[in-house]
Amino acid sequence: MWAGLVPTLNMAAYTPRDEQQQFASDAKTFVGLLQREFPWINISPKLHNFLCHAGEFLFRFGSTGLYVE
């Protein structure tokens, strides 16, 4: 599942709306799986932002890769 999220995170071009929606859904599912399977794991703030807030960012700006550090 992670391999499907990374290309959208790194894409330095506008992401089509259907891909944005798929990314947001997959990221939410991925976080849920991590939390369920590894309840003791600590997620870094950067990973938290990418997985929990990148979908909202995509909907608003159309890309995450254009705004990477």
C-alpha atoms as a PDB file:
ATOM      1  CA  MET A   1       0.000   0.000   0.000  1.00  0.00           C
ATOM      2  CA  TRP A   2       2.889   2.371   0.797  1.00  0.00           C
ATOM      3  CA  ALA A   3       4.265   1.887  -2.726  1.00  0.00           C
ATOM      4  CA  GLY A   4       0.976   3.241  -4.080  1.00  0.00           C
ATOM      5  CA  LEU A   5       1.130   6.363  -1.880  1.00  0.00           C
ATOM      6  CA  VAL A   6       4.699   7.455  -2.582  1.00  0.00           C
ATOM      7  CA  PRO A   7       4.293   8.381  -6.284  1.00  0.00           C
ATOM      8  CA  THR A   8       1.464  10.777  -5.450  1.00  0.00           C
ATOM      9  CA  LEU A   9       3.482  12.340  -2.637  1.00  0.00           C
ATOM     10  CA  ASN A  10       6.472  12.892  -4.921  1.00  0.00           C
ATOM     11  CA  MET A  11       4.595  14.003  -8.040  1.00  0.00           C
ATOM     12  CA  ALA A  12       5.640  17.558  -8.921  1.00  0.00           C
ATOM     13  CA  ALA A  13       2.618  18.157 -11.124  1.00  0.00           C
ATOM     14  CA  TYR A  14      -1.097  18.604 -10.685  1.00  0.00           C
ATOM     15  CA  THR A  15      -2.742  15.415  -9.417  1.00  0.00           C
ATOM     16  CA  PRO A  16      -6.094  14.584 -11.040  1.00  0.00           C
ATOM     17  CA  ARG A  17      -9.097  14.668  -8.691  1.00  0.00           C
ATOM     18  CA  ASP A  18      -9.744  10.910  -8.860  1.00  0.00           C
ATOM     19  CA  GLU A  19      -6.121  10.219  -7.833  1.00  0.00           C
ATOM     20  CA  GLN A  20      -6.444  12.755  -5.022  1.00  0.00           C
ATOM     21  CA  GLN A  21      -9.482  10.964  -3.666  1.00  0.00           C
ATOM     22  CA  GLN A  22      -7.816   7.563  -4.008  1.00  0.00           C
ATOM     23  CA  PHE A  23      -4.710   8.839  -2.225  1.00  0.00           C
ATOM     24  CA  ALA A  24      -6.722  10.270   0.682  1.00  0.00           C
ATOM     25  CA  SER A  25      -8.621   7.004   1.066  1.00  0.00           C
ATOM     26  CA  ASP A  26      -5.489   4.836   0.840  1.00  0.00           C
ATOM     27  CA  ALA A  27      -3.560   7.039   3.287  1.00  0.00           C
ATOM     28  CA  LYS A  28      -6.370   6.806   5.840  1.00  0.00           C
ATOM     29  CA  THR A  29      -6.478   3.017   5.419  1.00  0.00           C
ATOM     30  CA  PHE A  30      -2.681   2.772   5.682  1.00  0.00           C
ATOM     31  CA  VAL A  31      -2.622   4.737   8.946  1.00  0.00           C
ATOM     32  CA  GLY A  32      -5.385   2.542  10.353  1.00  0.00           C
ATOM     33  CA  LEU A  33      -3.437  -0.591   9.464  1.00  0.00           C
ATOM     34  CA  LEU A  34      -0.262   0.773  11.052  1.00  0.00           C
ATOM     35  CA  GLN A  35      -2.102   1.679  14.237  1.00  0.00           C
ATOM     36  CA  ARG A  36      -3.824  -1.697  14.445  1.00  0.00           C
ATOM     37  CA  GLU A  37      -0.808  -3.867  13.639  1.00  0.00           C
ATOM     38  CA  PHE A  38       1.827  -1.846  15.509  1.00  0.00           C
ATOM     39  CA  PRO A  39       0.120  -0.096  18.447  1.00  0.00           C
ATOM     40  CA  TRP A  40       3.478   0.618  20.107  1.00  0.00           C
ATOM     41  CA  ILE A  41       4.977   2.402  17.104  1.00  0.00           C
ATOM     42  CA  ASN A  42       5.637   6.146  17.217  1.00  0.00           C
ATOM     43  CA  ILE A  43       4.996   7.943  13.950  1.00  0.00           C
ATOM     44  CA  SER A  44       7.189  10.928  13.165  1.00  0.00           C
ATOM     45  CA  PRO A  45       5.504  14.318  12.767  1.00  0.00           C
ATOM     46  CA  LYS A  46       6.479  14.406   9.079  1.00  0.00           C
ATOM     47  CA  LEU A  47       4.937  11.004   8.369  1.00  0.00           C
ATOM     48  CA  HIS A  48       1.851  12.016  10.337  1.00  0.00           C
ATOM     49  CA  ASN A  49       1.476  15.160   8.234  1.00  0.00           C
ATOM     50  CA  PHE A  50       1.921  13.298   4.970  1.00  0.00           C
ATOM     51  CA  LEU A  51      -0.482  10.526   5.820  1.00  0.00           C
ATOM     52  CA  CYS A  52      -3.117  12.410   7.777  1.00  0.00           C
ATOM     53  CA  HIS A  53      -3.089  15.823   6.112  1.00  0.00           C
ATOM     54  CA  ALA A  54      -1.662  15.342   2.609  1.00  0.00           C
ATOM     55  CA  GLY A  55      -5.103  14.410   1.240  1.00  0.00           C
ATOM     56  CA  GLU A  56      -6.521  17.750   2.382  1.00  0.00           C
ATOM     57  CA  PHE A  57      -3.463  19.499   0.968  1.00  0.00           C
ATOM     58  CA  LEU A  58      -3.963  17.740  -2.380  1.00  0.00           C
ATOM     59  CA  PHE A  59      -7.618  18.786  -2.541  1.00  0.00           C
ATOM     60  CA  ARG A  60      -6.683  22.387  -1.858  1.00  0.00           C
ATOM     61  CA  PHE A  61      -3.513  22.828  -3.950  1.00  0.00           C
ATOM     62  CA  GLY A  62      -3.559  19.905  -6.407  1.00  0.00           C
ATOM     63  CA  SER A  63      -0.070  18.599  -5.596  1.00  0.00           C
ATOM     64  CA  THR A  64       2.233  17.839  -2.704  1.00  0.00           C
ATOM     65  CA  GLY A  65       5.398  17.428  -4.782  1.00  0.00           C
ATOM     66  CA  LEU A  66       5.315  21.066  -5.895  1.00  0.00           C
ATOM     67  CA  TYR A  67       5.531  22.189  -2.267  1.00  0.00           C
ATOM     68  CA  VAL A  68       8.136  19.777  -0.865  1.00  0.00           C
ATOM     69  CA  GLU A  69      10.897  21.179   1.271  1.00  0.00           C
END
